[in-house]
Amino acid sequence: MRGLRRWWDDTAGGLPATFWYLWSGLLINRAGAFALLFLSLYLTVARGAPPSLAGLVVGAYGIGGAAGTLLGGVLADRWGRRATLLAAHLAAAGLMAALAFSTHLAVIAVLATLVGVAHSMPSPAFVAAIVDVVPEARRSRAFNLQFWAFNLGMAVASLLAGLLAEASFVALFLVDAAATLAAAVVIALKVPETLTRRPALTPQAVAGRRPGLHTALTDRTFLVFVALTFLLAVLTMQTSTIMPLAMRADGLRPSAYGLVVALGGALIVVGQLFVPRLIEPYRKSSVLAVSTGLMALGFGALTVADGLPLYLGAAVVWTIGQMLAAPPNAQINADLAPPELRARYQSVFYLTFPAASFVAPALGGLSLEHLGERHWLVVGALGLVAAAGHLLAGPRRERRVAALRAAPAERVKSAR
């Protein structure tokens, strides 16, 4: 019993109530965000759209997501975290309800783009609010729980989506809207504004220029980290873009692909809560190097995979890498951001995922077609490059974080 209590304290203890309300809102949001999983099927089956047009509409959702990520970051730093979260959730709920009853394909395309904007806006605000309220020493466990909630919510969403899609597409969109509205209610009732206005601490502010989104886009140390995260995202996207094609080429059925994906999700839901205590003694750059190396090993092993057991074994390896990477990746991203630009930095960071969702299938398809199984050697090599990059960039990142932490103290001294 004492050991269980200690494990709970190490995993989730000492986190403020506001974090748990944010966490609950995120879980409700993810568990209810299932309609877009079936958007292409809805368009082709219920609205008679050809596959090419359905692909364009789904792509429009992705474009809206990239714009919404940047917009959410800017608004969260200007309006505040709570206002941005409420606006995004209420807009998303209304748009999903409109999608449920829209029949014209042009209207559906516009609504899908706007839904992409509304769905992506909360991400920078969620993370910025978590950083605002969680003490630095406990942020790793907070980000670990955030990653766990995201994956648990997506697992629930996948299950519910299949059931609702068989019953009614209208119900699919309306239940999604209701879940989004429920998350908004939790935020409205329980989450206070966490943004604290502070004088800017950036070099641009010292030089007399107002810091903004351009600050994040010209921060070399931060952009190196974003580039390494992009490589990690490209590896992660292989599971949903290129791996199904490779498994089909190996004569495996779609049910085998579903089993591989389900195994990864189950490992995260069961094992993610044990990660913080495991990685706590080690430097973040070392953990990221090991985790990315494991992902490189897992995907590289697909070079020789020709049956389901090998795919399942490789999935275990790369999923462990993903689990180890999640907390330090999020914490480094938070540590590198000046406090007054947290959400803007988050928005630039989150652009890596829509970018990877485009690059991974576009270039991966060509690679698989021309290189065959050697494609996985290229993927493994990218992972090793990212692992080496984290080891090389780690010391500079640590010096940057130390300088940001020292800046408030220096400002207080100068004020005296």
Protein backbone atom coordinates (compact mmCIF):
# COMPACT_ATOMS: atom_id res chain seq x y z
CA MET A 1 0.00 0.00 0.00
CA ARG A 2 2.83 2.37 0.87
CA GLY A 3 4.53 1.55 -2.44
CA LEU A 4 1.33 2.32 -4.35
CA ARG A 5 0.98 5.64 -2.53
CA ARG A 6 4.57 6.54 -3.37
CA TRP A 7 4.01 5.65 -7.01
CA TRP A 8 0.90 7.85 -7.11
CA ASP A 9 2.77 10.75 -5.52
CA ASP A 10 5.59 10.40 -8.06
CA THR A 11 3.15 10.14 -10.97
CA ALA A 12 0.36 12.58 -10.18
CA GLY A 13 0.93 14.07 -6.74
CA GLY A 14 1.38 17.73 -5.99
CA LEU A 15 -0.43 19.06 -9.06
CA PRO A 16 -2.81 22.01 -8.58
CA ALA A 17 -6.56 21.71 -9.02
CA THR A 18 -6.51 23.95 -12.09
CA PHE A 19 -4.27 21.46 -13.85
CA TRP A 20 -6.75 18.66 -13.21
CA TYR A 21 -9.60 20.72 -14.62
CA LEU A 22 -7.50 21.46 -17.71
CA TRP A 23 -6.67 17.76 -17.90
CA SER A 24 -10.35 16.85 -17.64
CA GLY A 25 -11.24 19.31 -20.38
CA LEU A 26 -8.55 17.84 -22.62
CA LEU A 27 -9.72 14.27 -21.96
CA ILE A 28 -13.36 15.13 -22.68
CA ASN A 29 -12.31 17.01 -25.80
CA ARG A 30 -10.20 14.14 -27.15
CA ALA A 31 -12.73 11.44 -26.25
CA GLY A 32 -15.42 13.35 -28.14
CA ALA A 33 -13.30 14.45 -31.11
CA PHE A 34 -14.14 11.52 -33.33
CA ALA A 35 -16.25 12.88 -36.20
CA LEU A 36 -13.25 13.96 -38.26
CA LEU A 37 -11.87 10.41 -38.12
CA PHE A 38 -14.73 9.47 -40.44
CA LEU A 39 -14.92 12.67 -42.51
CA SER A 40 -13.67 11.07 -45.72
CA LEU A 41 -16.07 8.14 -45.30
CA TYR A 42 -18.93 10.54 -44.55
CA LEU A 43 -18.20 12.52 -47.70
CA THR A 44 -18.03 9.50 -49.99
CA VAL A 45 -20.88 7.46 -48.49
CA ALA A 46 -23.38 10.04 -47.27
CA ARG A 47 -22.68 12.94 -49.64
CA GLY A 48 -21.60 11.11 -52.78
CA ALA A 49 -18.26 12.87 -53.15
CA PRO A 50 -15.56 11.16 -55.23
CA PRO A 51 -12.47 10.07 -53.28
CA SER A 52 -10.36 12.84 -54.84
CA LEU A 53 -12.74 15.54 -53.62
CA ALA A 54 -13.01 13.91 -50.20
CA GLY A 55 -9.23 14.02 -49.97
CA LEU A 56 -9.21 17.73 -50.77
CA VAL A 57 -11.78 18.46 -48.06
CA VAL A 58 -9.81 16.48 -45.48
CA GLY A 59 -6.70 18.36 -46.63
CA ALA A 60 -8.56 21.65 -46.11
CA TYR A 61 -9.13 20.59 -42.51
CA GLY A 62 -5.38 20.14 -42.16
CA ILE A 63 -4.67 23.58 -43.64
CA GLY A 64 -7.13 25.09 -41.19
CA GLY A 65 -5.34 23.24 -38.41
CA ALA A 66 -2.00 24.86 -39.28
CA ALA A 67 -3.60 28.32 -39.29
CA GLY A 68 -5.48 27.61 -36.07
CA THR A 69 -2.30 26.58 -34.29
CA LEU A 70 -0.65 29.94 -34.96
CA LEU A 71 -3.84 31.89 -34.26
CA GLY A 72 -4.36 30.05 -30.97
CA GLY A 73 -0.82 30.87 -29.85
CA VAL A 74 -1.14 34.57 -30.60
CA LEU A 75 -4.58 34.87 -28.98
CA ALA A 76 -3.58 32.91 -25.87
CA ASP A 77 -0.78 35.40 -25.23
CA ARG A 78 -2.99 38.43 -25.98
CA TRP A 79 -6.51 37.50 -24.85
CA GLY A 80 -5.49 34.94 -22.26
CA ARG A 81 -5.53 31.16 -22.05
CA ARG A 82 -9.09 30.82 -20.71
CA ALA A 83 -10.65 33.17 -23.27
CA THR A 84 -8.90 31.39 -26.15
CA LEU A 85 -9.93 27.95 -24.91
CA LEU A 86 -13.55 29.01 -24.50
CA ALA A 87 -13.72 30.73 -27.89
CA ALA A 88 -12.17 27.75 -29.66
CA HIS A 89 -14.39 25.15 -27.98
CA LEU A 90 -17.61 27.10 -28.51
CA ALA A 91 -16.74 27.76 -32.14
CA ALA A 92 -15.87 24.10 -32.72
CA ALA A 93 -19.14 22.93 -31.16
CA GLY A 94 -21.18 25.27 -33.36
CA LEU A 95 -19.28 24.32 -36.52
CA MET A 96 -19.65 20.59 -35.84
CA ALA A 97 -23.41 21.04 -35.39
CA ALA A 98 -23.53 22.93 -38.69
CA LEU A 99 -21.59 20.12 -40.40
CA ALA A 100 -24.17 17.60 -39.19
CA PHE A 101 -26.89 19.22 -41.30
CA SER A 102 -24.90 20.57 -44.26
CA THR A 103 -25.47 18.91 -47.63
CA HIS A 104 -23.65 21.11 -50.16
CA LEU A 105 -20.06 19.99 -50.67
CA ALA A 106 -18.70 23.52 -50.99
CA VAL A 107 -20.27 24.47 -47.64
CA ILE A 108 -18.89 21.30 -46.06
CA ALA A 109 -15.41 22.15 -47.35
CA VAL A 110 -15.56 25.65 -45.82
CA LEU A 111 -16.90 24.29 -42.52
CA ALA A 112 -14.19 21.59 -42.43
CA THR A 113 -11.52 24.27 -42.86
CA LEU A 114 -13.00 26.33 -40.04
CA VAL A 115 -13.30 23.25 -37.84
CA GLY A 116 -9.59 22.65 -38.45
CA VAL A 117 -8.90 26.16 -37.18
CA ALA A 118 -11.11 25.74 -34.11
CA HIS A 119 -9.76 22.27 -33.25
CA SER A 120 -6.13 23.42 -33.36
CA MET A 121 -6.49 26.70 -31.47
CA PRO A 122 -6.68 25.12 -27.97
CA SER A 123 -3.37 23.21 -28.15
CA PRO A 124 -1.01 26.16 -27.47
CA ALA A 125 -3.39 27.57 -24.85
CA PHE A 126 -3.72 24.23 -23.03
CA VAL A 127 0.04 23.77 -22.76
CA ALA A 128 0.72 27.42 -21.88
CA ALA A 129 -1.89 27.24 -19.10
CA ILE A 130 -0.31 24.06 -17.74
CA VAL A 131 3.08 25.77 -17.63
CA ASP A 132 1.49 28.80 -15.95
CA VAL A 133 0.00 26.83 -13.04
CA VAL A 134 2.32 23.84 -12.53
CA PRO A 135 5.59 24.42 -10.64
CA GLU A 136 8.67 23.69 -12.70
CA ALA A 137 9.67 20.65 -10.63
CA ARG A 138 6.34 18.94 -11.40
CA ARG A 139 5.94 19.84 -15.08
CA SER A 140 7.40 16.58 -16.35
CA ARG A 141 4.68 14.55 -14.62
CA ALA A 142 2.05 17.06 -15.77
CA PHE A 143 3.08 16.70 -19.41
CA ASN A 144 3.23 12.94 -19.00
CA LEU A 145 -0.37 12.95 -17.76
CA GLN A 146 -1.36 15.25 -20.61
CA PHE A 147 0.09 12.80 -23.16
CA TRP A 148 -1.65 9.92 -21.39
CA ALA A 149 -5.01 11.73 -21.41
CA PHE A 150 -4.62 12.56 -25.10
CA ASN A 151 -4.02 8.92 -26.03
CA LEU A 152 -6.71 7.60 -23.71
CA GLY A 153 -9.17 10.07 -25.20
CA MET A 154 -8.23 9.09 -28.75
CA ALA A 155 -8.70 5.41 -27.90
CA VAL A 156 -12.19 6.12 -26.56
CA ALA A 157 -12.93 8.31 -29.59
CA SER A 158 -11.95 5.56 -32.03
CA LEU A 159 -14.27 3.09 -30.30
CA LEU A 160 -17.23 5.48 -30.12
CA ALA A 161 -16.74 6.74 -33.67
CA GLY A 162 -17.14 3.28 -35.17
CA LEU A 163 -20.34 2.65 -33.25
CA LEU A 164 -21.89 6.04 -34.03
CA ALA A 165 -20.90 5.99 -37.71
CA GLU A 166 -22.80 2.73 -38.17
CA ALA A 167 -25.87 4.24 -36.52
CA SER A 168 -25.96 7.77 -37.97
CA PHE A 169 -23.48 10.27 -39.37
CA VAL A 170 -25.66 13.10 -38.05
CA ALA A 171 -25.37 11.63 -34.56
CA LEU A 172 -21.61 11.35 -35.05
CA PHE A 173 -21.26 15.10 -35.56
CA LEU A 174 -23.81 16.09 -32.91
CA VAL A 175 -22.25 13.94 -30.17
CA ASP A 176 -18.85 15.37 -31.11
CA ALA A 177 -20.32 18.88 -30.74
CA ALA A 178 -21.86 17.97 -27.39
CA ALA A 179 -18.54 16.64 -26.04
CA THR A 180 -16.77 19.80 -27.17
CA LEU A 181 -19.43 21.89 -25.45
CA ALA A 182 -19.01 19.82 -22.27
CA ALA A 183 -15.29 20.55 -22.28
CA ALA A 184 -16.10 24.26 -22.65
CA VAL A 185 -18.41 24.09 -19.63
CA VAL A 186 -15.64 22.54 -17.49
CA ILE A 187 -13.24 25.30 -18.54
CA ALA A 188 -15.81 28.06 -18.00
CA LEU A 189 -16.74 26.87 -14.52
CA LYS A 190 -13.42 25.64 -13.13
CA VAL A 191 -10.44 27.13 -15.00
CA PRO A 192 -9.43 30.69 -14.08
CA GLU A 193 -7.31 32.88 -16.30
CA THR A 194 -3.69 31.82 -15.80
CA LEU A 195 -1.91 34.44 -17.90
CA THR A 196 0.12 36.90 -15.85
CA ARG A 197 1.20 40.05 -17.65
CA ARG A 198 4.93 40.63 -17.30
CA PRO A 199 7.53 42.92 -18.84
CA ALA A 200 9.19 41.23 -21.80
CA LEU A 201 12.48 39.45 -21.16
CA THR A 202 13.48 38.83 -24.78
CA PRO A 203 16.44 40.35 -26.63
CA GLN A 204 13.98 42.08 -28.95
CA ALA A 205 12.35 43.83 -26.01
CA VAL A 206 15.73 44.97 -24.70
CA ALA A 207 16.44 46.45 -28.13
CA GLY A 208 13.15 48.34 -28.04
CA ARG A 209 11.20 46.07 -30.39
CA ARG A 210 7.94 44.50 -29.37
CA PRO A 211 8.29 40.69 -29.13
CA GLY A 212 5.79 38.57 -31.01
CA LEU A 213 5.41 35.50 -33.20
CA HIS A 214 8.51 36.55 -35.16
CA THR A 215 10.53 36.12 -31.97
CA ALA A 216 9.82 32.39 -31.94
CA LEU A 217 10.37 32.14 -35.70
CA THR A 218 13.86 33.64 -35.40
CA ASP A 219 14.99 31.91 -32.20
CA ARG A 220 17.75 29.59 -33.43
CA THR A 221 18.04 27.46 -30.32
CA PHE A 222 14.30 26.91 -30.28
CA LEU A 223 14.11 26.25 -34.03
CA VAL A 224 16.79 23.56 -33.80
CA PHE A 225 14.63 21.85 -31.19
CA VAL A 226 11.55 22.26 -33.41
CA ALA A 227 13.45 20.70 -36.34
CA LEU A 228 14.41 17.69 -34.22
CA THR A 229 10.80 17.35 -33.06
CA PHE A 230 9.74 17.45 -36.72
CA LEU A 231 11.96 14.44 -37.42
CA LEU A 232 10.38 12.63 -34.46
CA ALA A 233 6.92 13.50 -35.82
CA VAL A 234 7.86 12.16 -39.27
CA LEU A 235 8.80 8.86 -37.62
CA THR A 236 5.56 8.77 -35.63
CA MET A 237 3.46 9.46 -38.74
CA GLN A 238 4.82 6.33 -40.42
CA THR A 239 2.35 4.23 -38.44
CA SER A 240 -0.71 5.92 -39.97
CA THR A 241 0.61 6.69 -43.45
CA ILE A 242 3.25 4.29 -44.82
CA MET A 243 3.08 1.25 -42.55
CA PRO A 244 -0.43 0.21 -43.76
CA LEU A 245 0.91 0.14 -47.33
CA ALA A 246 3.93 -1.91 -46.29
CA MET A 247 1.76 -4.39 -44.41
CA ARG A 248 -0.53 -4.79 -47.39
CA ALA A 249 2.49 -5.41 -49.61
CA ASP A 250 3.50 -8.17 -47.18
CA GLY A 251 0.11 -9.81 -47.64
CA LEU A 252 -1.31 -8.82 -44.25
CA ARG A 253 -4.98 -7.99 -43.76
CA PRO A 254 -6.35 -4.65 -42.46
CA SER A 255 -7.20 -6.37 -39.19
CA ALA A 256 -3.46 -7.02 -38.69
CA TYR A 257 -2.78 -3.28 -39.07
CA GLY A 258 -5.52 -2.53 -36.54
CA LEU A 259 -3.92 -4.94 -34.09
CA VAL A 260 -0.50 -3.25 -34.40
CA VAL A 261 -2.05 0.19 -33.80
CA ALA A 262 -4.15 -1.09 -30.90
CA LEU A 263 -1.06 -2.60 -29.27
CA GLY A 264 0.70 0.77 -29.33
CA GLY A 265 -2.29 2.53 -27.83
CA ALA A 266 -2.68 -0.10 -25.11
CA LEU A 267 1.00 0.17 -24.15
CA ILE A 268 0.68 3.94 -23.76
CA VAL A 269 -2.50 3.76 -21.70
CA VAL A 270 -1.07 1.07 -19.39
CA GLY A 271 2.56 2.12 -19.18
CA GLN A 272 2.75 5.89 -19.59
CA LEU A 273 2.05 6.58 -15.92
CA PHE A 274 5.28 4.79 -14.98
CA VAL A 275 7.50 6.94 -17.23
CA PRO A 276 8.20 10.02 -15.01
CA ARG A 277 9.85 8.06 -12.24
CA LEU A 278 11.87 6.07 -14.78
CA ILE A 279 13.38 9.07 -16.58
CA GLU A 280 13.64 11.53 -13.66
CA PRO A 281 17.35 10.88 -12.85
CA TYR A 282 18.53 11.57 -16.41
CA ARG A 283 19.14 14.68 -18.49
CA LYS A 284 16.34 15.50 -20.90
CA SER A 285 18.62 15.52 -23.93
CA SER A 286 19.87 12.02 -23.04
CA VAL A 287 16.32 10.73 -22.61
CA LEU A 288 15.32 12.18 -25.98
CA ALA A 289 18.37 10.67 -27.65
CA VAL A 290 17.56 7.22 -26.24
CA SER A 291 13.85 7.50 -27.05
CA THR A 292 14.47 8.64 -30.63
CA GLY A 293 17.08 5.89 -31.01
CA LEU A 294 14.48 3.32 -29.94
CA MET A 295 12.05 4.68 -32.51
CA ALA A 296 14.78 4.46 -35.15
CA LEU A 297 15.44 0.84 -34.14
CA GLY A 298 11.75 -0.07 -34.20
CA PHE A 299 11.01 1.39 -37.61
CA GLY A 300 14.34 0.24 -39.03
CA ALA A 301 13.44 -3.32 -38.00
CA LEU A 302 10.54 -3.24 -40.48
CA THR A 303 13.17 -3.71 -43.19
CA VAL A 304 13.09 -7.43 -42.38
CA ALA A 305 9.48 -7.68 -41.16
CA ASP A 306 7.36 -10.01 -43.30
CA GLY A 307 4.78 -11.23 -40.79
CA LEU A 308 2.57 -9.97 -37.99
CA PRO A 309 4.82 -11.06 -35.08
CA LEU A 310 7.72 -8.94 -36.33
CA TYR A 311 5.45 -5.94 -36.84
CA LEU A 312 4.10 -6.33 -33.31
CA GLY A 313 7.60 -6.62 -31.86
CA ALA A 314 8.76 -3.52 -33.73
CA ALA A 315 5.67 -1.64 -32.52
CA VAL A 316 6.60 -2.38 -28.91
CA VAL A 317 10.06 -0.87 -29.45
CA TRP A 318 8.97 2.34 -31.16
CA THR A 319 6.03 2.83 -28.77
CA ILE A 320 8.39 2.69 -25.78
CA GLY A 321 10.44 5.36 -27.56
CA GLN A 322 7.34 7.54 -27.96
CA MET A 323 6.42 7.08 -24.32
CA LEU A 324 9.87 8.11 -23.10
CA ALA A 325 10.00 11.12 -25.45
CA ALA A 326 6.67 12.72 -24.53
CA PRO A 327 7.44 14.34 -21.12
CA PRO A 328 10.93 15.78 -21.84
CA ASN A 329 9.91 16.93 -25.32
CA ALA A 330 7.02 18.95 -23.91
CA GLN A 331 9.03 20.27 -20.98
CA ILE A 332 11.96 21.46 -23.11
CA ASN A 333 9.49 23.22 -25.38
CA ALA A 334 8.01 24.99 -22.35
CA ASP A 335 11.42 25.80 -20.83
CA LEU A 336 12.74 27.44 -24.00
CA ALA A 337 9.84 29.91 -24.24
CA PRO A 338 10.04 33.32 -22.55
CA PRO A 339 7.08 33.50 -20.12
CA GLU A 340 5.35 36.32 -22.01
CA LEU A 341 5.51 34.34 -25.29
CA ARG A 342 4.67 30.85 -24.08
CA ALA A 343 1.64 30.29 -26.27
CA ARG A 344 3.30 31.73 -29.38
CA TYR A 345 6.24 29.37 -28.92
CA GLN A 346 3.79 26.51 -28.43
CA SER A 347 2.03 27.36 -31.68
CA VAL A 348 5.28 27.24 -33.66
CA PHE A 349 6.18 23.96 -31.97
CA TYR A 350 2.80 22.42 -32.84
CA LEU A 351 3.24 23.28 -36.53
CA THR A 352 5.64 20.33 -36.71
CA PHE A 353 2.74 17.89 -36.60
CA PRO A 354 0.68 19.12 -39.59
CA ALA A 355 3.95 19.57 -41.47
CA ALA A 356 4.94 15.97 -40.70
CA SER A 357 1.45 14.73 -41.63
CA PHE A 358 2.07 16.16 -45.11
CA VAL A 359 5.74 15.25 -45.56
CA ALA A 360 5.52 11.69 -44.19
CA PRO A 361 2.96 10.38 -46.74
CA ALA A 362 4.13 12.57 -49.64
CA LEU A 363 7.82 11.60 -49.50
CA GLY A 364 7.26 8.27 -47.76
CA GLY A 365 5.05 7.01 -50.57
CA LEU A 366 7.73 7.81 -53.14
CA SER A 367 10.40 6.24 -50.97
CA LEU A 368 8.41 3.03 -50.46
CA GLU A 369 7.64 2.80 -54.17
CA HIS A 370 11.26 3.19 -55.30
CA LEU A 371 13.20 1.70 -52.38
CA GLY A 372 10.80 -0.97 -51.19
CA GLU A 373 11.72 -2.33 -47.76
CA ARG A 374 14.86 -0.17 -47.75
CA HIS A 375 12.52 2.74 -47.05
CA TRP A 376 12.64 1.68 -43.41
CA LEU A 377 16.41 2.02 -43.37
CA VAL A 378 15.96 5.67 -44.41
CA VAL A 379 13.41 6.15 -41.63
CA GLY A 380 15.76 4.55 -39.12
CA ALA A 381 18.59 6.79 -40.29
CA LEU A 382 16.41 9.88 -39.74
CA GLY A 383 15.78 8.71 -36.19
CA LEU A 384 19.50 8.28 -35.54
CA VAL A 385 20.16 11.78 -36.92
CA ALA A 386 17.56 13.16 -34.49
CA ALA A 387 19.10 11.21 -31.60
CA ALA A 388 22.56 12.62 -32.37
CA GLY A 389 21.06 16.08 -32.77
CA HIS A 390 19.59 15.99 -29.28
CA LEU A 391 22.94 15.04 -27.78
CA LEU A 392 24.72 17.83 -29.65
CA ALA A 393 22.07 20.51 -29.04
CA GLY A 394 21.41 19.58 -25.40
CA PRO A 395 24.16 21.70 -23.76
CA ARG A 396 23.16 24.85 -25.65
CA ARG A 397 19.51 24.33 -24.75
CA GLU A 398 20.44 23.94 -21.09
CA ARG A 399 22.44 27.19 -21.14
CA ARG A 400 19.48 28.96 -22.73
CA VAL A 401 17.04 27.65 -20.11
CA ALA A 402 19.41 28.70 -17.33
CA ALA A 403 19.60 32.22 -18.79
CA LEU A 404 15.81 32.50 -18.97
CA ARG A 405 15.48 31.39 -15.36
CA ALA A 406 18.09 33.90 -14.24
CA ALA A 407 16.50 36.82 -16.11
CA PRO A 408 13.75 37.58 -13.53
CA ALA A 409 16.31 37.65 -10.73
CA GLU A 410 18.54 40.01 -12.69
CA ARG A 411 15.54 42.22 -13.40
CA VAL A 412 14.74 42.41 -9.70
CA LYS A 413 18.34 43.34 -8.88
CA SER A 414 18.39 46.10 -11.49
CA ALA A 415 15.11 47.46 -10.16
CA ARG A 416 16.72 47.89 -6.74
